[in-house]
Structures are given as C-alpha cells and as structure tokens.
Amino acid sequence: MPSAIEKRQTYRKLHDSGCFVLPNPWDIGSARYLQSLGFKALASTSAGYAFTLGWPDNAVGLEGMLLHLRDLCAATDLPVNADFENGYAHEPDGVAQNVTLCIATGVAGLSIEDSTGDKDKPLYELDHAVARIRAARAAIDRRGGDTILTGRAECFLVGKPDLDETIKRLKAYADAGADCLYSPGIRTPEQIAAVVKAVAPKPFNFLMTNYALKTPEIAALGVRRISTGGTLARVAYGAMLKSARQILADGNFGSFADAVPHPEINGFFREDMKKR
C-alpha cells in the first residue's frame, strides 16, 4: 500500500489539471469497492458515516471521526479527503490542533467549513472564518504542507443562497491558504462558472446536486473535482427502504432481483481480503 506521503503526492497531482470524480464511501466495504471500480481518490462523508451508527449528520464527535478516518485510510490504496466538518472547534487554535490530529490519520486532504452549527447565526463572521482557515493552513504547513486544504463556504446549505457572499468568502479562503475551494449547494451552470472564474487559478470542488449535469459538462465549466457527499449512502438506504416498504405493504419481494448477487459481492470481498 502506498504511504501517506505518496497518497498526498498523488492527490495533489489530481488537482493540477482535468476533472475527477471524488466519491464518498461511508464505510470500509464501500471504500474498497469504489477503489476496485477505478476511481482515483475517495472522500469521507460525515453524514453517511453517521447514518451507519444510527445518528444524524454532525452527531459524530472528533474522536469518533478520527477513528473512522484512520480506518478508511488504512483500508484503501487511494488518497482519502476528510469531510472534517467545521474542524470540531470554533476558535482558530482549536481548529489547528484538530487538523494536526486529522493529518495523523493518513488523510491526503481535508475540508474546513465556515458553518457554526448555530441556527440563529449559521456562518462565522468572515474575519473569524478566515482566521480559522489560516490556522488550518499553518497546522498543515507544520506537518510538511503536503495535505490539501479545502475551504468551504456553506452559504447555500445554511439558508443564505447569496452567490456574491459565497464568492467573497471563497476568495478570502483562497488568500488565507486554501488549496481548493468548495461551495456546496450551488446548482446551475451559471453559478458554477462564476465561482470557478472567481477562485481561479485554484481548483474548485462541485458537490453533485444537479443531477441533470454529467461529468463532461461539469468539466467544461472548469470544475476540477466532483464530490458526491452523502448521496451514495442515501442511494443505498433508498434502495433498502423501497424494498422493505414493498415487503411490508403487500409482501412483494420483487426488488430483490436488483440486489448484487451474493457470489459476486462475496467473491469480491474474498479476493480483496487475500490482497491485504
């Protein structure tokens, strides 16, 4: 298996040109299966992992998330980007301390949000948000500087869909040392193009929320990275719930025909285990 340093080198090169899809596995099995399909890198999903524990998004604490990230990084040859929420701290010093712990799990990159978790004041003031990104940048630099830092503007996700404010924040995060920029919740080609232009030459991550768009179209807009967030986990839950509801409603087990055949998935994990 490649070392953490080698994974980080690979991950950084992916951001130099082109466009790649960064799917978000929610456990070790999904991570290893996604690797086998040919993806070039993976990202964690705070929501998807929380669902496996029977918890809502943002309910997994720092220690639990660090253990999860360590497991993911150890399970795959691919670089792993950490959905590190808001750094599990409000003050810059706390963010720096936790980023240092996150790097130690072996991640190739991590993202820091500017959301507070407070419904009455959902976003940090810009100066404070910038200080948090600077603190994360400094923590990364103290550990060699090779971990990709993604700055996230959460405006659209917290009920403040202001494109100008989003761009203002992303540019400030880029100036503060973010390697990649991310504004989950934007959807239209016009919004995407505007953000890509604003943060250039730094790469932009698009969260797939507009299912009418395909990878070539998104790449043509200048997006460097496409992530799926918790959606793959919700697709899995959607299939399970649809099947279970049909069984409960009328005894219909027809949805079982869409299941991955047992010999296929069991065989994959049997062979995969031999390689570890």
Protein backbone atom coordinates (compact mmCIF):
# COMPACT_ATOMS: atom_id res chain seq x y z
CA MET A 1 0.00 0.00 0.00
CA PRO A 2 1.27 3.50 -0.79
CA SER A 3 2.46 5.58 2.14
CA ALA A 4 0.52 8.62 3.34
CA ILE A 5 3.14 10.84 1.69
CA GLU A 6 2.74 9.02 -1.63
CA LYS A 7 -1.05 9.26 -1.42
CA ARG A 8 -0.79 13.01 -0.80
CA GLN A 9 1.51 13.43 -3.78
CA THR A 10 -0.94 11.54 -5.97
CA TYR A 11 -3.87 13.56 -4.67
CA ARG A 12 -2.14 16.89 -5.26
CA LYS A 13 -1.34 15.95 -8.86
CA LEU A 14 -5.02 15.22 -9.49
CA HIS A 15 -5.73 18.90 -8.80
CA ASP A 16 -3.23 20.15 -11.38
CA SER A 17 -5.41 19.66 -14.45
CA GLY A 18 -8.54 17.95 -15.75
CA CYS A 19 -11.55 16.92 -13.70
CA PHE A 20 -12.00 13.89 -11.46
CA VAL A 21 -14.91 12.41 -9.52
CA LEU A 22 -14.36 12.06 -5.79
CA PRO A 23 -16.99 9.58 -4.47
CA ASN A 24 -17.76 9.42 -0.78
CA PRO A 25 -17.78 5.92 0.78
CA TRP A 26 -19.38 5.58 4.20
CA ASP A 27 -17.54 2.51 5.48
CA ILE A 28 -14.61 0.23 4.70
CA GLY A 29 -16.57 -2.07 2.38
CA SER A 30 -17.87 0.76 0.22
CA ALA A 31 -14.39 2.32 0.13
CA ARG A 32 -12.76 -0.85 -1.12
CA TYR A 33 -15.48 -1.50 -3.69
CA LEU A 34 -15.22 2.06 -5.03
CA GLN A 35 -11.46 1.63 -5.29
CA SER A 36 -11.95 -1.54 -7.35
CA LEU A 37 -14.15 0.35 -9.82
CA GLY A 38 -11.28 2.61 -10.82
CA PHE A 39 -11.83 5.90 -9.01
CA LYS A 40 -8.64 7.86 -8.40
CA ALA A 41 -9.41 9.18 -4.90
CA LEU A 42 -12.09 8.98 -2.23
CA ALA A 43 -13.60 11.29 0.37
CA SER A 44 -15.29 10.57 3.66
CA THR A 45 -18.86 11.65 4.33
CA SER A 46 -19.82 12.79 7.81
CA ALA A 47 -23.48 12.15 7.04
CA GLY A 48 -23.01 8.69 5.53
CA TYR A 49 -20.85 7.53 8.41
CA ALA A 50 -23.25 8.95 11.00
CA PHE A 51 -26.13 7.03 9.39
CA THR A 52 -24.25 3.75 9.85
CA LEU A 53 -24.29 4.45 13.59
CA GLY A 54 -27.95 5.39 13.64
CA TRP A 55 -27.08 9.04 14.19
CA PRO A 56 -27.87 12.25 12.26
CA ASP A 57 -25.22 14.22 10.40
CA ASN A 58 -22.87 16.24 12.62
CA ALA A 59 -23.51 13.93 15.61
CA VAL A 60 -20.17 12.09 15.38
CA GLY A 61 -17.62 13.76 17.62
CA LEU A 62 -13.97 14.39 16.98
CA GLU A 63 -12.64 11.14 18.44
CA GLY A 64 -15.15 9.02 16.56
CA MET A 65 -14.41 10.77 13.31
CA LEU A 66 -10.66 10.43 13.72
CA LEU A 67 -11.07 6.68 14.25
CA HIS A 68 -13.27 6.45 11.16
CA LEU A 69 -10.76 8.39 9.04
CA ARG A 70 -7.91 6.21 10.25
CA ASP A 71 -9.88 3.09 9.27
CA LEU A 72 -10.71 4.48 5.82
CA CYS A 73 -7.12 5.49 5.10
CA ALA A 74 -5.84 2.08 6.19
CA ALA A 75 -8.43 0.27 4.06
CA THR A 76 -7.63 1.77 0.66
CA ASP A 77 -4.65 2.44 -1.60
CA LEU A 78 -6.33 5.64 -2.75
CA PRO A 79 -5.93 9.13 -1.30
CA VAL A 80 -8.73 9.99 1.13
CA ASN A 81 -10.08 13.50 1.61
CA ALA A 82 -11.61 14.11 5.04
CA ASP A 83 -15.00 15.74 5.44
CA PHE A 84 -13.76 17.41 8.62
CA GLU A 85 -16.90 19.48 9.18
CA ASN A 86 -16.03 22.77 10.91
CA GLY A 87 -12.82 21.42 12.39
CA TYR A 88 -14.66 20.35 15.56
CA ALA A 89 -13.73 23.66 17.18
CA HIS A 90 -14.81 27.28 16.99
CA GLU A 91 -11.57 29.07 17.74
CA PRO A 92 -8.60 29.02 15.34
CA ASP A 93 -6.27 27.40 17.88
CA GLY A 94 -8.71 24.53 18.35
CA VAL A 95 -9.05 24.10 14.60
CA ALA A 96 -5.26 23.93 14.25
CA GLN A 97 -4.98 21.34 16.99
CA ASN A 98 -7.68 19.15 15.46
CA VAL A 99 -6.31 19.50 11.93
CA THR A 100 -3.00 18.19 13.25
CA LEU A 101 -4.81 15.15 14.65
CA CYS A 102 -6.64 14.68 11.35
CA ILE A 103 -3.41 14.69 9.36
CA ALA A 104 -2.07 11.95 11.62
CA THR A 105 -4.85 9.61 10.43
CA GLY A 106 -3.23 9.49 6.99
CA VAL A 107 -5.65 11.66 5.03
CA ALA A 108 -4.44 13.27 1.82
CA GLY A 109 -6.72 16.27 2.21
CA LEU A 110 -9.34 17.79 4.48
CA SER A 111 -12.04 20.42 4.28
CA ILE A 112 -12.98 23.08 6.82
CA GLU A 113 -16.48 24.57 6.81
CA ASP A 114 -17.47 28.08 7.84
CA SER A 115 -20.75 26.96 9.40
CA THR A 116 -21.19 27.39 13.15
CA GLY A 117 -23.89 24.83 13.90
CA ASP A 118 -25.96 27.66 15.40
CA LYS A 119 -29.29 28.14 13.61
CA ASP A 120 -29.50 31.76 14.73
CA LYS A 121 -26.04 32.57 13.40
CA PRO A 122 -25.20 29.81 10.94
CA LEU A 123 -22.00 31.29 9.49
CA TYR A 124 -18.89 32.56 11.21
CA GLU A 125 -18.11 36.22 10.66
CA LEU A 126 -15.78 36.44 7.70
CA ASP A 127 -12.74 37.62 9.65
CA HIS A 128 -13.15 34.75 12.09
CA ALA A 129 -13.72 32.24 9.29
CA VAL A 130 -10.55 33.43 7.56
CA ALA A 131 -8.58 33.11 10.80
CA ARG A 132 -9.78 29.51 11.06
CA ILE A 133 -8.53 28.73 7.55
CA ARG A 134 -5.20 30.38 8.30
CA ALA A 135 -4.90 28.26 11.42
CA ALA A 136 -5.63 25.10 9.44
CA ARG A 137 -3.06 26.15 6.82
CA ALA A 138 -0.42 26.74 9.48
CA ALA A 139 -1.12 23.35 11.07
CA ILE A 140 -0.73 21.64 7.71
CA ASP A 141 2.48 23.51 6.96
CA ARG A 142 3.94 22.44 10.30
CA ARG A 143 3.33 18.83 9.23
CA GLY A 144 5.05 19.20 5.86
CA GLY A 145 2.46 21.14 3.88
CA ASP A 146 1.51 18.29 1.56
CA THR A 147 -2.09 17.79 2.77
CA ILE A 148 -4.64 19.51 0.52
CA LEU A 149 -6.70 22.12 2.41
CA THR A 150 -10.20 22.80 1.09
CA GLY A 151 -12.03 25.92 2.24
CA ARG A 152 -15.81 25.58 2.27
CA ALA A 153 -18.37 28.38 2.06
CA GLU A 154 -21.60 26.92 3.41
CA CYS A 155 -23.90 29.83 2.46
CA PHE A 156 -26.24 27.82 0.24
CA LEU A 157 -26.51 24.95 2.72
CA VAL A 158 -27.46 27.10 5.70
CA GLY A 159 -30.24 29.06 4.01
CA LYS A 160 -28.20 32.02 2.76
CA PRO A 161 -28.02 31.40 -1.00
CA ASP A 162 -26.10 34.57 -1.82
CA LEU A 163 -23.65 33.97 -4.68
CA ASP A 164 -21.79 37.23 -4.14
CA GLU A 165 -21.25 36.43 -0.45
CA THR A 166 -20.18 32.90 -1.37
CA ILE A 167 -17.59 34.18 -3.84
CA LYS A 168 -16.35 36.79 -1.37
CA ARG A 169 -15.78 34.09 1.22
CA LEU A 170 -14.14 31.63 -1.16
CA LYS A 171 -11.70 34.25 -2.42
CA ALA A 172 -10.83 35.15 1.16
CA TYR A 173 -10.22 31.48 1.98
CA ALA A 174 -8.01 31.13 -1.08
CA ASP A 175 -5.97 34.13 0.06
CA ALA A 176 -5.74 32.59 3.54
CA GLY A 177 -4.10 29.44 2.16
CA ALA A 178 -6.82 27.07 1.00
CA ASP A 179 -5.59 24.89 -1.88
CA CYS A 180 -9.08 24.09 -3.16
CA LEU A 181 -12.42 25.86 -2.81
CA TYR A 182 -15.88 24.39 -2.29
CA SER A 183 -19.37 25.87 -2.02
CA PRO A 184 -21.86 23.02 -1.60
CA GLY A 185 -25.38 23.81 -2.69
CA ILE A 186 -24.75 25.79 -5.86
CA ARG A 187 -26.51 24.08 -8.74
CA THR A 188 -26.75 25.95 -12.03
CA PRO A 189 -24.08 26.08 -14.74
CA GLU A 190 -24.07 29.86 -14.38
CA GLN A 191 -23.35 29.67 -10.66
CA ILE A 192 -20.65 27.06 -11.17
CA ALA A 193 -18.94 29.04 -13.92
CA ALA A 194 -19.00 32.21 -11.83
CA VAL A 195 -17.39 30.54 -8.83
CA VAL A 196 -14.77 28.74 -10.93
CA LYS A 197 -13.78 32.04 -12.55
CA ALA A 198 -13.67 33.84 -9.21
CA VAL A 199 -11.33 31.39 -7.47
CA ALA A 200 -9.08 30.65 -10.46
CA PRO A 201 -6.36 29.53 -10.75
CA LYS A 202 -7.13 27.49 -7.64
CA PRO A 203 -9.28 24.37 -8.21
CA PHE A 204 -12.95 24.23 -7.36
CA ASN A 205 -14.88 21.25 -5.95
CA PHE A 206 -18.50 20.87 -7.07
CA LEU A 207 -20.90 18.87 -4.93
CA MET A 208 -23.18 16.93 -7.26
CA THR A 209 -26.61 18.41 -6.59
CA ASN A 210 -27.78 18.98 -10.16
CA TYR A 211 -28.45 15.51 -11.48
CA ALA A 212 -29.12 16.78 -15.00
CA LEU A 213 -25.43 17.58 -15.41
CA LYS A 214 -22.88 14.97 -16.40
CA THR A 215 -19.16 14.88 -15.77
CA PRO A 216 -18.09 16.21 -19.21
CA GLU A 217 -20.44 19.20 -18.88
CA ILE A 218 -19.19 19.97 -15.38
CA ALA A 219 -15.58 19.62 -16.50
CA ALA A 220 -16.24 22.03 -19.37
CA LEU A 221 -17.26 24.64 -16.79
CA GLY A 222 -13.78 24.41 -15.29
CA VAL A 223 -14.55 22.27 -12.24
CA ARG A 224 -11.55 20.25 -11.10
CA ARG A 225 -13.23 17.95 -8.56
CA ILE A 226 -16.76 16.49 -8.31
CA SER A 227 -17.80 15.01 -4.98
CA THR A 228 -20.95 13.12 -4.05
CA GLY A 229 -21.27 13.93 -0.34
CA GLY A 230 -23.68 11.64 1.49
CA THR A 231 -25.68 10.86 -1.63
CA LEU A 232 -24.22 7.42 -2.37
CA ALA A 233 -25.08 6.38 1.18
CA ARG A 234 -28.60 7.72 0.68
CA VAL A 235 -28.88 5.81 -2.61
CA ALA A 236 -28.09 2.62 -0.70
CA TYR A 237 -30.62 3.50 2.01
CA GLY A 238 -33.16 4.43 -0.66
CA ALA A 239 -32.93 1.01 -2.29
CA MET A 240 -33.20 -0.77 1.07
CA LEU A 241 -36.17 1.31 2.23
CA LYS A 242 -38.04 0.90 -1.05
CA SER A 243 -37.60 -2.85 -0.87
CA ALA A 244 -38.60 -3.06 2.80
CA ARG A 245 -41.70 -0.92 2.28
CA GLN A 246 -42.84 -3.11 -0.62
CA ILE A 247 -42.40 -6.20 1.53
CA LEU A 248 -44.33 -4.67 4.39
CA ALA A 249 -47.09 -3.23 2.22
CA ASP A 250 -48.02 -6.19 0.05
CA GLY A 251 -45.49 -8.96 0.58
CA ASN A 252 -43.72 -8.07 -2.69
CA PHE A 253 -40.11 -9.27 -2.74
CA GLY A 254 -39.58 -8.36 -6.39
CA SER A 255 -37.00 -5.72 -5.55
CA PHE A 256 -34.62 -8.49 -4.54
CA ALA A 257 -33.99 -9.03 -8.26
CA ASP A 258 -31.93 -5.79 -8.25
CA ALA A 259 -29.62 -6.97 -5.46
CA VAL A 260 -25.96 -7.62 -6.16
CA PRO A 261 -25.70 -11.42 -6.47
CA HIS A 262 -24.21 -12.99 -3.37
CA PRO A 263 -21.42 -14.82 -5.28
CA GLU A 264 -20.39 -11.53 -6.89
CA ILE A 265 -20.11 -9.38 -3.77
CA ASN A 266 -18.90 -12.20 -1.52
CA GLY A 267 -16.36 -13.19 -4.14
CA PHE A 268 -15.12 -9.64 -4.42
CA PHE A 269 -14.51 -9.31 -0.70
CA ARG A 270 -12.95 -12.79 -0.51
CA GLU A 271 -10.41 -11.94 -3.22
CA ASP A 272 -9.96 -8.44 -1.86
CA MET A 273 -9.10 -9.82 1.58
CA LYS A 274 -6.37 -12.00 0.08
CA LYS A 275 -4.65 -8.87 -1.26
CA ARG A 276 -4.47 -7.14 2.11
